Amino acid sequence: MPKLIRLYITQVLIGFGIAAAFVAMLLYFNVANLWHLVSHSSSGLLAVFILWFANGIVFAGVQFAIAIMRMKDDDEGGSGGRRDPIRVDMTRMVPIRQEAKAKSPLHRR
């Protein structure tokens, strides 16, 4: 199995694990009276599954993105070079008056 696929699968599993912990905390702390809604409904388990699955998709994507962004390419070079700053002589800059030659369609004479 390629390393990237293995990395993706492990990060997705970690993301769904975090989502399970998140949903468990939502139910344990009874956020927005969620435990009561789930325990007193006939489709409460389906609601918990959908909540876990939807959060799992989000957390898995974030977890994989973090893992990819943390991969760094060790370059042997420096910081990428230096650029000379652009120097502008403010004493030589003189404003020039320009006349607008195009007429507005709303302008009548």
C-alpha atoms as a PDB file:
ATOM      1  CA  MET A   1       0.000   0.000   0.000  1.00  0.00           C
ATOM      2  CA  PRO A   2       1.424   3.436  -0.882  1.00  0.00           C
ATOM      3  CA  LYS A   3       2.521   5.626   1.995  1.00  0.00           C
ATOM      4  CA  LEU A   4       0.064   8.390   1.117  1.00  0.00           C
ATOM      5  CA  ILE A   5      -2.916   6.000   1.218  1.00  0.00           C
ATOM      6  CA  ARG A   6      -1.736   4.593   4.550  1.00  0.00           C
ATOM      7  CA  LEU A   7      -1.350   8.127   5.896  1.00  0.00           C
ATOM      8  CA  TYR A   8      -4.841   9.036   4.700  1.00  0.00           C
ATOM      9  CA  ILE A   9      -6.463   5.984   6.290  1.00  0.00           C
ATOM     10  CA  THR A  10      -4.753   6.515   9.642  1.00  0.00           C
ATOM     11  CA  GLN A  11      -5.642  10.210   9.726  1.00  0.00           C
ATOM     12  CA  VAL A  12      -9.270   9.454   8.828  1.00  0.00           C
ATOM     13  CA  LEU A  13      -9.462   6.897  11.638  1.00  0.00           C
ATOM     14  CA  ILE A  14      -8.002   9.431  14.053  1.00  0.00           C
ATOM     15  CA  GLY A  15     -10.517  12.032  12.853  1.00  0.00           C
ATOM     16  CA  PHE A  16     -13.465   9.681  13.362  1.00  0.00           C
ATOM     17  CA  GLY A  17     -12.100   8.792  16.811  1.00  0.00           C
ATOM     18  CA  ILE A  18     -11.986  12.475  17.717  1.00  0.00           C
ATOM     19  CA  ALA A  19     -15.533  12.829  16.393  1.00  0.00           C
ATOM     20  CA  ALA A  20     -16.665   9.944  18.615  1.00  0.00           C
ATOM     21  CA  ALA A  21     -15.116  11.648  21.634  1.00  0.00           C
ATOM     22  CA  PHE A  22     -16.738  14.942  20.616  1.00  0.00           C
ATOM     23  CA  VAL A  23     -20.212  13.408  20.269  1.00  0.00           C
ATOM     24  CA  ALA A  24     -19.759  11.532  23.554  1.00  0.00           C
ATOM     25  CA  MET A  25     -18.909  14.815  25.290  1.00  0.00           C
ATOM     26  CA  LEU A  26     -21.922  16.500  23.695  1.00  0.00           C
ATOM     27  CA  LEU A  27     -24.149  13.773  25.083  1.00  0.00           C
ATOM     28  CA  TYR A  28     -22.413  13.599  28.481  1.00  0.00           C
ATOM     29  CA  PHE A  29     -22.581  17.340  29.123  1.00  0.00           C
ATOM     30  CA  ASN A  30     -26.131  17.408  27.705  1.00  0.00           C
ATOM     31  CA  VAL A  31     -25.451  20.328  25.387  1.00  0.00           C
ATOM     32  CA  ALA A  32     -28.747  21.829  24.172  1.00  0.00           C
ATOM     33  CA  ASN A  33     -30.581  19.019  26.040  1.00  0.00           C
ATOM     34  CA  LEU A  34     -29.236  16.586  23.448  1.00  0.00           C
ATOM     35  CA  TRP A  35     -29.136  13.554  25.751  1.00  0.00           C
ATOM     36  CA  HIS A  36     -32.823  13.949  26.565  1.00  0.00           C
ATOM     37  CA  LEU A  37     -33.714  14.289  22.886  1.00  0.00           C
ATOM     38  CA  VAL A  38     -31.706  11.210  21.929  1.00  0.00           C
ATOM     39  CA  SER A  39     -32.795   8.999  24.823  1.00  0.00           C
ATOM     40  CA  HIS A  40     -36.507   9.811  24.529  1.00  0.00           C
ATOM     41  CA  SER A  41     -36.815   9.420  20.759  1.00  0.00           C
ATOM     42  CA  SER A  42     -37.359   6.281  18.744  1.00  0.00           C
ATOM     43  CA  SER A  43     -34.766   7.394  16.202  1.00  0.00           C
ATOM     44  CA  GLY A  44     -32.224   8.600  18.762  1.00  0.00           C
ATOM     45  CA  LEU A  45     -29.538   6.091  17.771  1.00  0.00           C
ATOM     46  CA  LEU A  46     -29.867   7.110  14.141  1.00  0.00           C
ATOM     47  CA  ALA A  47     -29.479  10.766  15.160  1.00  0.00           C
ATOM     48  CA  VAL A  48     -26.323   9.952  17.163  1.00  0.00           C
ATOM     49  CA  PHE A  49     -24.919   7.967  14.230  1.00  0.00           C
ATOM     50  CA  ILE A  50     -25.579  10.797  11.778  1.00  0.00           C
ATOM     51  CA  LEU A  51     -24.092  13.338  14.198  1.00  0.00           C
ATOM     52  CA  TRP A  52     -20.991  11.168  14.633  1.00  0.00           C
ATOM     53  CA  PHE A  53     -20.661  10.497  10.902  1.00  0.00           C
ATOM     54  CA  ALA A  54     -21.058  14.150   9.875  1.00  0.00           C
ATOM     55  CA  ASN A  55     -18.572  15.327  12.494  1.00  0.00           C
ATOM     56  CA  GLY A  56     -16.283  12.448  11.537  1.00  0.00           C
ATOM     57  CA  ILE A  57     -16.140  13.637   7.944  1.00  0.00           C
ATOM     58  CA  VAL A  58     -15.231  17.149   9.062  1.00  0.00           C
ATOM     59  CA  PHE A  59     -12.697  16.088  11.697  1.00  0.00           C
ATOM     60  CA  ALA A  60     -11.114  13.535   9.351  1.00  0.00           C
ATOM     61  CA  GLY A  61     -10.655  16.192   6.685  1.00  0.00           C
ATOM     62  CA  VAL A  62      -9.129  18.607   9.161  1.00  0.00           C
ATOM     63  CA  GLN A  63      -6.892  15.909  10.612  1.00  0.00           C
ATOM     64  CA  PHE A  64      -5.621  14.913   7.175  1.00  0.00           C
ATOM     65  CA  ALA A  65      -5.066  18.544   6.193  1.00  0.00           C
ATOM     66  CA  ILE A  66      -3.045  19.152   9.354  1.00  0.00           C
ATOM     67  CA  ALA A  67      -0.980  16.034   8.689  1.00  0.00           C
ATOM     68  CA  ILE A  68      -0.235  17.121   5.128  1.00  0.00           C
ATOM     69  CA  MET A  69       0.627  20.679   6.116  1.00  0.00           C
ATOM     70  CA  ARG A  70       2.964  19.468   8.837  1.00  0.00           C
ATOM     71  CA  MET A  71       4.997  17.530   6.287  1.00  0.00           C
ATOM     72  CA  LYS A  72       7.935  19.673   5.424  1.00  0.00           C
ATOM     73  CA  ASP A  73      10.426  19.516   2.661  1.00  0.00           C
ATOM     74  CA  ASP A  74      13.923  19.869   4.072  1.00  0.00           C
ATOM     75  CA  ASP A  75      15.662  22.135   1.617  1.00  0.00           C
ATOM     76  CA  GLU A  76      19.368  22.547   1.972  1.00  0.00           C
ATOM     77  CA  GLY A  77      19.309  26.128   0.805  1.00  0.00           C
ATOM     78  CA  GLY A  78      18.738  29.263   2.783  1.00  0.00           C
ATOM     79  CA  SER A  79      15.617  31.351   2.927  1.00  0.00           C
ATOM     80  CA  GLY A  80      15.240  31.617  -0.825  1.00  0.00           C
ATOM     81  CA  GLY A  81      17.341  34.628  -1.708  1.00  0.00           C
ATOM     82  CA  ARG A  82      17.341  38.309  -1.068  1.00  0.00           C
ATOM     83  CA  ARG A  83      15.664  41.065  -2.922  1.00  0.00           C
ATOM     84  CA  ASP A  84      16.936  44.584  -3.117  1.00  0.00           C
ATOM     85  CA  PRO A  85      14.458  47.096  -1.754  1.00  0.00           C
ATOM     86  CA  ILE A  86      13.002  49.552  -4.261  1.00  0.00           C
ATOM     87  CA  ARG A  87      14.110  53.044  -3.418  1.00  0.00           C
ATOM     88  CA  VAL A  88      11.896  55.952  -4.428  1.00  0.00           C
ATOM     89  CA  ASP A  89      13.127  59.509  -4.396  1.00  0.00           C
ATOM     90  CA  MET A  90      10.133  61.453  -3.071  1.00  0.00           C
ATOM     91  CA  THR A  91      11.708  64.830  -3.935  1.00  0.00           C
ATOM     92  CA  ARG A  92      11.592  64.072  -7.669  1.00  0.00           C
ATOM     93  CA  MET A  93       7.932  63.017  -7.709  1.00  0.00           C
ATOM     94  CA  VAL A  94       5.780  65.851  -9.060  1.00  0.00           C
ATOM     95  CA  PRO A  95       2.008  65.599  -9.547  1.00  0.00           C
ATOM     96  CA  ILE A  96       0.881  66.120 -13.154  1.00  0.00           C
ATOM     97  CA  ARG A  97      -2.596  67.368 -13.990  1.00  0.00           C
ATOM     98  CA  GLN A  98      -4.409  65.209 -16.569  1.00  0.00           C
ATOM     99  CA  GLU A  99      -7.618  66.123 -18.317  1.00  0.00           C
ATOM    100  CA  ALA A 100     -10.299  63.448 -18.649  1.00  0.00           C
ATOM    101  CA  LYS A 101     -10.986  63.030 -22.384  1.00  0.00           C
ATOM    102  CA  ALA A 102     -13.827  60.520 -22.293  1.00  0.00           C
ATOM    103  CA  LYS A 103     -17.268  61.997 -21.752  1.00  0.00           C
ATOM    104  CA  SER A 104     -19.858  60.379 -19.580  1.00  0.00           C
ATOM    105  CA  PRO A 105     -23.051  59.283 -21.345  1.00  0.00           C
ATOM    106  CA  LEU A 106     -24.978  61.197 -18.681  1.00  0.00           C
ATOM    107  CA  HIS A 107     -23.033  64.410 -19.395  1.00  0.00           C
ATOM    108  CA  ARG A 108     -25.020  66.829 -21.613  1.00  0.00           C
ATOM    109  CA  ARG A 109     -23.874  70.104 -23.114  1.00  0.00           C
END
